[in-house]
């Protein structure tokens, strides 16, 4: 039984450290570091670096910074985005340090498992914050931040002192995440879709106005001029417009003259054709 408890203790520390790192890395480092430095627990050799005063001071300082920024809507999302590249690798390293020197195969397995669990907890936190930040009031954000800090501290304490209970709670957490993440993703898609439609509608209004103005100008340019704008001669009478038939005969005479000038027609043929065209016009 003691052997099973020992395995459960190592497994709980491995999974607990990586799970907590995905939510609040600096709180996890501080809790483990102070627990080891105070003698409450014996950390594995690869994690004893967390007991170093300089590491404790740095982790505590960064926890204070995150405690403040994590409660400012919008800023917390930017903070989570940057820490995507910090929490997940750190969670994998914490898991590898928790298993100790057990051989390359188990260490690599711990890195994969720890990185995956840190990714799950980090994505759950960051995604839920994006949805929560859609609310205009800040109290929901503050409540979520405090709940996350309490969960990290309380979860690590449970993992260190009651590993079987922690492993059971972790299974429930994973089941809850499997139910929650699709809903978070659907809410994020809906929210960004609404924002996209909002900006798309705003941007299309000036374009539509310009198009309508251009269409109006085009219609005005194609409409016939008013009666009082019809060109008139100096006597005030309307300018005569040549009849279509007369214009056609003018073209025939012009072509006939071109043929005569080029020598294709004799003078007699030119006179005969010209009289014929002019005779048809009478």
Protein backbone atom coordinates (compact mmCIF):
# COMPACT_ATOMS: atom_id res chain seq x y z
CA UNK A 1 0.00 0.00 0.00
CA UNK A 2 2.86 2.34 0.79
CA UNK A 3 4.22 1.74 -2.69
CA UNK A 4 0.91 2.78 -4.26
CA UNK A 5 0.82 5.87 -2.06
CA UNK A 6 4.37 6.72 -3.17
CA UNK A 7 3.42 6.36 -6.84
CA UNK A 8 0.27 8.42 -6.27
CA UNK A 9 2.35 11.12 -4.57
CA UNK A 10 4.78 11.36 -7.51
CA UNK A 11 1.93 11.31 -10.03
CA UNK A 12 -0.02 13.97 -8.12
CA UNK A 13 3.04 16.23 -7.87
CA UNK A 14 3.83 15.75 -11.57
CA UNK A 15 0.32 16.44 -12.78
CA UNK A 16 -0.38 19.09 -10.15
CA UNK A 17 2.72 21.13 -11.00
CA UNK A 18 1.99 21.08 -14.73
CA UNK A 19 -1.74 21.75 -14.25
CA UNK A 20 -1.06 24.71 -11.94
CA UNK A 21 1.63 26.10 -14.28
CA UNK A 22 -0.92 26.40 -17.08
CA UNK A 23 -3.11 28.62 -14.89
CA UNK A 24 -0.63 30.65 -12.83
CA UNK A 25 3.01 29.61 -13.23
CA UNK A 26 4.41 32.05 -10.69
CA UNK A 27 1.95 31.02 -7.98
CA UNK A 28 2.84 27.37 -8.59
CA UNK A 29 6.56 28.10 -8.34
CA UNK A 30 6.08 30.12 -5.15
CA UNK A 31 3.88 27.50 -3.46
CA UNK A 32 6.28 24.65 -4.24
CA UNK A 33 9.32 26.74 -3.35
CA UNK A 34 8.00 27.90 0.03
CA UNK A 35 6.71 24.40 0.84
CA UNK A 36 10.13 22.93 0.21
CA UNK A 37 12.06 25.71 1.94
CA UNK A 38 9.87 25.51 5.05
CA UNK A 39 10.39 21.74 5.31
CA UNK A 40 6.70 20.96 4.81
CA UNK A 41 7.59 18.66 1.94
CA UNK A 42 10.69 17.18 0.37
CA UNK A 43 10.87 18.29 -3.24
CA UNK A 44 12.53 16.03 -5.82
CA UNK A 45 16.16 17.02 -6.50
CA UNK A 46 15.31 18.60 -9.89
CA UNK A 47 12.72 20.89 -8.26
CA UNK A 48 14.79 21.94 -5.25
CA UNK A 49 16.01 24.94 -7.26
CA UNK A 50 12.61 26.46 -6.48
CA UNK A 51 13.70 26.73 -2.81
CA UNK A 52 16.50 29.14 -3.74
CA UNK A 53 15.85 32.60 -2.24
CA UNK A 54 16.49 34.35 -5.57
CA UNK A 55 14.04 32.07 -7.38
CA UNK A 56 11.48 32.54 -4.59
CA UNK A 57 11.88 36.32 -4.77
CA UNK A 58 11.51 36.37 -8.57
CA UNK A 59 8.48 34.06 -8.51
CA UNK A 60 6.83 36.10 -5.73
CA UNK A 61 7.44 39.38 -7.57
CA UNK A 62 6.00 38.04 -10.82
CA UNK A 63 3.03 36.63 -8.93
CA UNK A 64 2.26 40.10 -7.58
CA UNK A 65 2.51 41.53 -11.11
CA UNK A 66 0.19 38.84 -12.47
CA UNK A 67 -2.19 39.29 -9.53
CA UNK A 68 -2.73 42.90 -10.64
CA UNK A 69 -2.71 42.52 -14.43
CA UNK A 70 -4.94 39.45 -14.26
CA UNK A 71 -7.79 41.59 -12.90
CA UNK A 72 -7.78 44.22 -15.66
CA UNK A 73 -10.15 43.26 -18.50
CA UNK A 74 -8.33 43.13 -21.81
CA UNK A 75 -4.90 43.33 -20.21
CA UNK A 76 -5.39 39.84 -18.77
CA UNK A 77 -6.03 38.45 -22.26
CA UNK A 78 -2.86 40.06 -23.59
CA UNK A 79 -0.96 38.66 -20.59
CA UNK A 80 -2.36 35.18 -21.24
CA UNK A 81 -1.42 35.42 -24.92
CA UNK A 82 2.21 36.23 -24.11
CA UNK A 83 2.34 33.51 -21.45
CA UNK A 84 1.22 30.87 -23.93
CA UNK A 85 4.92 30.60 -24.78
CA UNK A 86 5.95 30.50 -21.09
CA UNK A 87 3.42 28.47 -19.12
CA UNK A 88 3.25 25.44 -21.40
CA UNK A 89 7.04 24.82 -21.66
CA UNK A 90 7.39 25.54 -17.95
CA UNK A 91 4.63 23.03 -17.17
CA UNK A 92 6.49 20.39 -19.17
CA UNK A 93 9.74 21.13 -17.31
CA UNK A 94 7.99 21.06 -13.93
CA UNK A 95 6.55 17.64 -14.74
CA UNK A 96 9.96 16.34 -15.80
CA UNK A 97 11.51 17.66 -12.58
CA UNK A 98 8.78 16.11 -10.45
CA UNK A 99 9.38 12.55 -11.66
CA UNK A 100 13.09 12.81 -10.93
CA UNK A 101 15.79 10.64 -12.43
CA UNK A 102 13.73 7.69 -13.65
CA UNK A 103 15.22 7.18 -17.10
CA UNK A 104 14.90 8.96 -20.46
CA UNK A 105 11.68 7.21 -21.49
CA UNK A 106 9.73 8.20 -18.38
CA UNK A 107 11.16 11.70 -18.41
CA UNK A 108 10.07 12.25 -22.02
CA UNK A 109 6.66 10.80 -21.19
CA UNK A 110 6.40 13.21 -18.24
CA UNK A 111 7.35 16.14 -20.48
CA UNK A 112 4.66 15.21 -23.00
CA UNK A 113 2.03 14.62 -20.35
CA UNK A 114 2.95 17.75 -18.40
CA UNK A 115 3.01 19.96 -21.49
CA UNK A 116 -0.35 18.62 -22.60
CA UNK A 117 -1.98 19.17 -19.22
CA UNK A 118 -0.51 22.67 -18.96
CA UNK A 119 -1.91 23.41 -22.42
CA UNK A 120 -5.39 22.24 -21.37
CA UNK A 121 -5.47 24.35 -18.21
CA UNK A 122 -3.98 27.38 -19.97
CA UNK A 123 -6.41 27.25 -22.90
CA UNK A 124 -9.33 26.84 -20.51
CA UNK A 125 -8.27 29.88 -18.51
CA UNK A 126 -7.42 32.10 -21.49
CA UNK A 127 -10.55 31.14 -23.44
CA UNK A 128 -12.88 31.70 -20.51
CA UNK A 129 -11.30 35.11 -19.92
CA UNK A 130 -12.01 36.18 -23.50
CA UNK A 131 -15.68 35.32 -22.99
CA UNK A 132 -15.81 36.93 -19.53
CA UNK A 133 -14.23 40.15 -20.83
CA UNK A 134 -17.22 40.61 -23.15
CA UNK A 135 -19.14 41.68 -20.04
CA UNK A 136 -18.82 45.45 -19.43
CA UNK A 137 -18.63 45.12 -15.64
CA UNK A 138 -15.25 44.14 -14.07
CA UNK A 139 -16.56 42.11 -11.12
CA UNK A 140 -16.88 38.85 -13.05
CA UNK A 141 -13.28 39.20 -14.16
CA UNK A 142 -12.10 39.85 -10.59
CA UNK A 143 -14.04 36.87 -9.28
CA UNK A 144 -12.58 34.56 -11.95
CA UNK A 145 -9.05 35.75 -11.19
CA UNK A 146 -9.39 35.19 -7.45
CA UNK A 147 -10.97 31.78 -8.04
CA UNK A 148 -8.03 30.78 -10.24
CA UNK A 149 -5.49 31.82 -7.58
CA UNK A 150 -7.38 29.90 -4.89
CA UNK A 151 -7.63 26.85 -7.17
CA UNK A 152 -3.87 26.84 -7.84
CA UNK A 153 -2.86 27.23 -4.21
CA UNK A 154 -5.50 24.85 -2.90
CA UNK A 155 -4.93 22.33 -5.69
CA UNK A 156 -1.18 22.16 -5.09
CA UNK A 157 -1.68 21.83 -1.33
CA UNK A 158 -4.07 18.94 -1.99
CA UNK A 159 -1.64 17.33 -4.42
CA UNK A 160 1.17 17.51 -1.85
CA UNK A 161 -0.80 16.28 1.16
CA UNK A 162 -3.72 14.26 -0.26
CA UNK A 163 -2.59 12.92 -3.66
CA UNK A 164 -5.49 10.49 -4.12
CA UNK A 165 -8.04 13.25 -3.59
CA UNK A 166 -6.19 15.50 -6.03
CA UNK A 167 -6.09 12.79 -8.71
CA UNK A 168 -9.83 12.30 -8.35
CA UNK A 169 -10.48 16.05 -8.60
CA UNK A 170 -8.19 16.24 -11.65
CA UNK A 171 -10.29 13.61 -13.43
CA UNK A 172 -13.41 15.67 -12.70
CA UNK A 173 -11.62 18.79 -13.98
CA UNK A 174 -10.75 17.09 -17.27
CA UNK A 175 -14.34 15.93 -17.73
CA UNK A 176 -15.54 19.46 -17.02
CA UNK A 177 -13.04 20.89 -19.53
CA UNK A 178 -14.19 18.42 -22.19
CA UNK A 179 -17.71 19.78 -21.70
CA UNK A 180 -16.68 23.43 -21.39
CA UNK A 181 -14.12 23.99 -24.17
CA UNK A 182 -16.55 23.49 -27.10
CA UNK A 183 -18.90 26.02 -25.52
CA UNK A 184 -16.07 28.49 -24.96
CA UNK A 185 -15.01 28.10 -28.59
CA UNK A 186 -18.57 28.62 -29.82
CA UNK A 187 -18.91 31.75 -27.67
CA UNK A 188 -15.59 33.15 -28.95
CA UNK A 189 -16.61 32.52 -32.58
CA UNK A 190 -19.96 34.19 -31.99
CA UNK A 191 -18.34 37.18 -30.32
CA UNK A 192 -15.72 37.71 -33.03
CA UNK A 193 -18.37 37.18 -35.70
CA UNK A 194 -20.45 39.94 -34.12
CA UNK A 195 -17.40 42.25 -33.99
CA UNK A 196 -16.60 41.45 -37.63
CA UNK A 197 -20.14 42.25 -38.73
CA UNK A 198 -20.09 45.46 -36.71
CA UNK A 199 -16.89 46.75 -38.31
CA UNK A 200 -17.94 45.47 -41.72
CA UNK A 201 -21.20 47.38 -41.54
CA UNK A 202 -19.45 50.53 -40.37
CA UNK A 203 -16.89 50.34 -43.17
CA UNK A 204 -19.51 49.67 -45.85
CA UNK A 205 -21.60 52.75 -45.05
CA UNK A 206 -19.20 55.33 -46.59
CA UNK A 207 -18.68 53.07 -49.61
CA UNK A 208 -22.42 52.71 -50.08
CA UNK A 209 -22.87 56.46 -49.79
CA UNK A 210 -20.16 57.11 -52.35
CA UNK A 211 -21.70 54.55 -54.71
CA UNK A 212 -25.12 56.13 -54.36
CA UNK A 213 -23.65 59.55 -55.02
CA UNK A 214 -21.83 58.25 -58.10
CA UNK A 215 -25.00 56.54 -59.32
CA UNK A 216 -26.97 59.73 -58.81
CA UNK A 217 -24.41 61.75 -60.74
CA UNK A 218 -24.43 59.20 -63.56
CA UNK A 219 -28.22 59.27 -63.73
CA UNK A 220 -28.19 63.06 -63.83
CA UNK A 221 -25.63 63.01 -66.64
CA UNK A 222 -27.70 60.58 -68.73
CA UNK A 223 -31.05 62.32 -68.20
CA UNK A 224 -32.15 64.56 -71.10
CA UNK A 225 -31.63 68.27 -70.44
CA UNK A 226 -34.65 70.31 -69.47
CA UNK A 227 -36.57 71.98 -72.22
CA UNK A 228 -35.27 75.41 -71.27
CA UNK A 229 -31.67 74.15 -71.73
CA UNK A 230 -32.06 73.02 -75.37
CA UNK A 231 -29.47 74.92 -77.52
CA UNK A 232 -31.00 77.87 -79.33
CA UNK A 233 -29.75 80.21 -82.05
CA UNK A 234 -29.38 83.95 -81.42
CA UNK A 235 -32.98 84.59 -82.53
CA UNK A 236 -34.18 82.35 -79.71
CA UNK A 237 -35.26 79.54 -82.04
CA UNK A 238 -34.16 75.97 -81.61
CA UNK A 239 -31.17 74.94 -83.75
CA UNK A 240 -32.26 72.69 -86.60
CA UNK A 241 -31.15 69.09 -86.37
CA UNK A 242 -30.41 67.42 -89.73
CA UNK A 243 -32.76 64.65 -90.68
CA UNK A 244 -31.24 61.15 -90.72
CA UNK A 245 -31.97 60.69 -94.48
CA UNK A 246 -30.28 63.96 -95.41
CA UNK A 247 -27.16 63.05 -93.43
CA UNK A 248 -26.96 59.77 -95.32
CA UNK A 249 -27.07 61.57 -98.68
CA UNK A 250 -24.33 63.94 -97.55
CA UNK A 251 -22.16 60.92 -96.86
CA UNK A 252 -22.95 59.47 -100.33
CA UNK A 253 -21.95 62.72 -102.01
CA UNK A 254 -18.72 62.84 -100.00
CA UNK A 255 -17.78 59.28 -101.01
CA UNK A 256 -18.73 60.05 -104.64
CA UNK A 257 -16.43 63.08 -104.65
CA UNK A 258 -13.60 60.97 -103.24
CA UNK A 259 -14.03 58.43 -106.07
CA UNK A 260 -14.02 61.21 -108.65
CA UNK A 261 -10.90 62.82 -107.20
CA UNK A 262 -9.10 59.49 -107.23
CA UNK A 263 -9.88 58.96 -110.94
CA UNK A 264 -12.16 56.02 -110.42
CA UNK A 265 -15.10 57.90 -112.03
CA UNK A 266 -15.24 59.99 -115.15
CA UNK A 267 -16.77 63.44 -115.11
CA UNK A 268 -19.85 62.15 -116.87
CA UNK A 269 -20.32 59.30 -114.38
CA UNK A 270 -19.74 61.69 -111.48
CA UNK A 271 -22.38 64.15 -112.76
CA UNK A 272 -24.91 61.41 -113.42
CA UNK A 273 -24.55 59.89 -109.93
CA UNK A 274 -24.61 63.30 -108.27
CA UNK A 275 -27.84 64.24 -110.07
CA UNK A 276 -29.35 60.94 -109.09
CA UNK A 277 -28.52 61.45 -105.39
CA UNK A 278 -29.71 65.04 -105.38
CA UNK A 279 -32.80 64.14 -107.39
CA UNK A 280 -33.77 61.53 -104.77
CA UNK A 281 -33.60 64.18 -102.12
CA UNK A 282 -36.21 66.34 -103.79
